[in-house]
Amino acid sequence: MVIKVKLYGNLREKASRSAEGAPGMVEIEDRGIKMVSDVLNALNIDEAETSHLFVNGKYSGLRKKVKNGDRVAIFPKNMGLLYKWYFRREENDQE
């Protein structure tokens, strides 16, 4: 399973310096990743460091399931957005 992750702001530091491509882009290959929370764990990012999470462009929560080829975007606390006021967060029971 390959998940493409885009890290924003100071979370870019979590991306490997040897990673090719755009800054802050990471590809995770791991069959054990089932949810967004697993992506955070794989990158050693604490939930408290994040403000907003997106899966394939949709505002999502930690329990949102991910699958092969999904794109996950992770924003840090200092880049908080207003999404929580205007959009419903998708979790694992919503597709």
C-alpha atoms as a PDB file:
ATOM      1  CA  MET A   1       0.000   0.000   0.000  1.00  0.00           C
ATOM      2  CA  VAL A   2       1.327   3.444  -0.923  1.00  0.00           C
ATOM      3  CA  ILE A   3      -0.052   6.597   0.690  1.00  0.00           C
ATOM      4  CA  LYS A   4       1.100   9.999  -0.577  1.00  0.00           C
ATOM      5  CA  VAL A   5       1.449  12.560   2.205  1.00  0.00           C
ATOM      6  CA  LYS A   6       1.872  16.333   1.885  1.00  0.00           C
ATOM      7  CA  LEU A   7       3.197  18.038   5.010  1.00  0.00           C
ATOM      8  CA  TYR A   8       2.708  21.766   5.484  1.00  0.00           C
ATOM      9  CA  GLY A   9       4.468  24.401   7.573  1.00  0.00           C
ATOM     10  CA  ASN A  10       6.875  23.218  10.238  1.00  0.00           C
ATOM     11  CA  LEU A  11       5.712  19.614   9.755  1.00  0.00           C
ATOM     12  CA  ARG A  12       7.803  19.558   6.559  1.00  0.00           C
ATOM     13  CA  GLU A  13      10.752  18.874   8.840  1.00  0.00           C
ATOM     14  CA  LYS A  14       9.289  15.396   9.397  1.00  0.00           C
ATOM     15  CA  ALA A  15       9.864  14.562   5.718  1.00  0.00           C
ATOM     16  CA  SER A  16      13.060  12.727   4.936  1.00  0.00           C
ATOM     17  CA  ARG A  17      15.781  15.027   3.650  1.00  0.00           C
ATOM     18  CA  SER A  18      16.571  12.447   0.991  1.00  0.00           C
ATOM     19  CA  ALA A  19      12.995  12.391  -0.293  1.00  0.00           C
ATOM     20  CA  GLU A  20      12.702  13.260  -3.953  1.00  0.00           C
ATOM     21  CA  GLY A  21      10.062  15.531  -5.391  1.00  0.00           C
ATOM     22  CA  ALA A  22       8.331  18.545  -3.897  1.00  0.00           C
ATOM     23  CA  PRO A  23       9.287  19.738  -0.402  1.00  0.00           C
ATOM     24  CA  GLY A  24       7.136  18.166   2.279  1.00  0.00           C
ATOM     25  CA  MET A  25       6.019  15.263   0.074  1.00  0.00           C
ATOM     26  CA  VAL A  26       6.374  11.765   1.499  1.00  0.00           C
ATOM     27  CA  GLU A  27       5.285   8.382   0.193  1.00  0.00           C
ATOM     28  CA  ILE A  28       4.586   5.765   2.829  1.00  0.00           C
ATOM     29  CA  GLU A  29       4.619   2.105   1.833  1.00  0.00           C
ATOM     30  CA  ASP A  30       3.101   0.049   4.635  1.00  0.00           C
ATOM     31  CA  ARG A  31       0.343  -2.551   4.617  1.00  0.00           C
ATOM     32  CA  GLY A  32      -0.343  -1.853   8.298  1.00  0.00           C
ATOM     33  CA  ILE A  33      -1.711   1.628   7.633  1.00  0.00           C
ATOM     34  CA  LYS A  34      -5.498   1.603   7.881  1.00  0.00           C
ATOM     35  CA  MET A  35      -6.425   5.104   9.130  1.00  0.00           C
ATOM     36  CA  VAL A  36      -5.105   8.657   9.167  1.00  0.00           C
ATOM     37  CA  SER A  37      -3.878   8.098  12.737  1.00  0.00           C
ATOM     38  CA  ASP A  38      -1.601   5.329  11.401  1.00  0.00           C
ATOM     39  CA  VAL A  39      -0.120   7.807   8.906  1.00  0.00           C
ATOM     40  CA  LEU A  40       0.681  10.220  11.744  1.00  0.00           C
ATOM     41  CA  ASN A  41       2.312   7.415  13.726  1.00  0.00           C
ATOM     42  CA  ALA A  42       4.406   6.336  10.726  1.00  0.00           C
ATOM     43  CA  LEU A  43       5.743   9.893  10.408  1.00  0.00           C
ATOM     44  CA  ASN A  44       6.230  10.334  14.166  1.00  0.00           C
ATOM     45  CA  ILE A  45       3.742  13.227  14.266  1.00  0.00           C
ATOM     46  CA  ASP A  46       1.748  13.731  17.457  1.00  0.00           C
ATOM     47  CA  GLU A  47      -1.953  14.535  17.068  1.00  0.00           C
ATOM     48  CA  ALA A  48      -1.380  17.671  19.171  1.00  0.00           C
ATOM     49  CA  GLU A  49       0.961  19.008  16.458  1.00  0.00           C
ATOM     50  CA  THR A  50      -1.802  19.037  13.835  1.00  0.00           C
ATOM     51  CA  SER A  51      -4.700  21.341  13.119  1.00  0.00           C
ATOM     52  CA  HIS A  52      -6.363  19.896  10.017  1.00  0.00           C
ATOM     53  CA  LEU A  53      -6.164  16.644   8.097  1.00  0.00           C
ATOM     54  CA  PHE A  54      -7.391  15.985   4.573  1.00  0.00           C
ATOM     55  CA  VAL A  55      -7.803  12.743   2.641  1.00  0.00           C
ATOM     56  CA  ASN A  56      -8.127  13.173  -1.114  1.00  0.00           C
ATOM     57  CA  GLY A  57      -9.026  16.830  -0.613  1.00  0.00           C
ATOM     58  CA  LYS A  58     -11.758  16.191   1.969  1.00  0.00           C
ATOM     59  CA  TYR A  59     -11.527  17.475   5.543  1.00  0.00           C
ATOM     60  CA  SER A  60     -11.043  14.322   7.606  1.00  0.00           C
ATOM     61  CA  GLY A  61     -10.453  13.028  11.103  1.00  0.00           C
ATOM     62  CA  LEU A  62      -7.964  10.628  12.644  1.00  0.00           C
ATOM     63  CA  ARG A  63     -10.290   7.630  12.230  1.00  0.00           C
ATOM     64  CA  LYS A  64     -10.796   8.192   8.497  1.00  0.00           C
ATOM     65  CA  LYS A  65      -9.812   5.029   6.634  1.00  0.00           C
ATOM     66  CA  VAL A  66      -7.120   5.268   3.967  1.00  0.00           C
ATOM     67  CA  LYS A  67      -6.384   2.960   1.071  1.00  0.00           C
ATOM     68  CA  ASN A  68      -3.742   2.443  -1.571  1.00  0.00           C
ATOM     69  CA  GLY A  69      -3.161   5.586  -3.636  1.00  0.00           C
ATOM     70  CA  ASP A  70      -4.849   7.991  -1.216  1.00  0.00           C
ATOM     71  CA  ARG A  71      -3.403  11.465  -0.693  1.00  0.00           C
ATOM     72  CA  VAL A  72      -3.205  12.776   2.867  1.00  0.00           C
ATOM     73  CA  ALA A  73      -2.477  16.434   3.703  1.00  0.00           C
ATOM     74  CA  ILE A  74      -1.420  17.389   7.222  1.00  0.00           C
ATOM     75  CA  PHE A  75      -1.456  20.978   8.499  1.00  0.00           C
ATOM     76  CA  PRO A  76       0.309  22.037  11.718  1.00  0.00           C
ATOM     77  CA  LYS A  77      -1.323  23.857  14.643  1.00  0.00           C
ATOM     78  CA  ASN A  78       0.139  27.208  13.618  1.00  0.00           C
ATOM     79  CA  MET A  79      -1.618  26.970  10.240  1.00  0.00           C
ATOM     80  CA  GLY A  80      -5.098  26.407  11.664  1.00  0.00           C
ATOM     81  CA  LEU A  81      -7.921  26.971   9.209  1.00  0.00           C
ATOM     82  CA  LEU A  82     -11.618  27.654   9.598  1.00  0.00           C
ATOM     83  CA  TYR A  83     -12.693  24.341   8.080  1.00  0.00           C
ATOM     84  CA  LYS A  84     -14.114  23.004  11.335  1.00  0.00           C
ATOM     85  CA  TRP A  85     -16.724  25.762  11.283  1.00  0.00           C
ATOM     86  CA  TYR A  86     -17.876  25.209   7.715  1.00  0.00           C
ATOM     87  CA  PHE A  87     -17.294  21.577   6.811  1.00  0.00           C
ATOM     88  CA  ARG A  88     -18.180  18.312   8.477  1.00  0.00           C
ATOM     89  CA  ARG A  89     -15.152  16.156   9.196  1.00  0.00           C
ATOM     90  CA  GLU A  90     -15.214  12.704   7.629  1.00  0.00           C
ATOM     91  CA  GLU A  91     -14.383   9.738   9.829  1.00  0.00           C
ATOM     92  CA  ASN A  92     -14.253   6.005   9.136  1.00  0.00           C
ATOM     93  CA  ASP A  93     -18.017   5.555   9.002  1.00  0.00           C
ATOM     94  CA  GLN A  94     -18.422   8.120   6.234  1.00  0.00           C
ATOM     95  CA  GLU A  95     -17.145   7.831   2.685  1.00  0.00           C
END
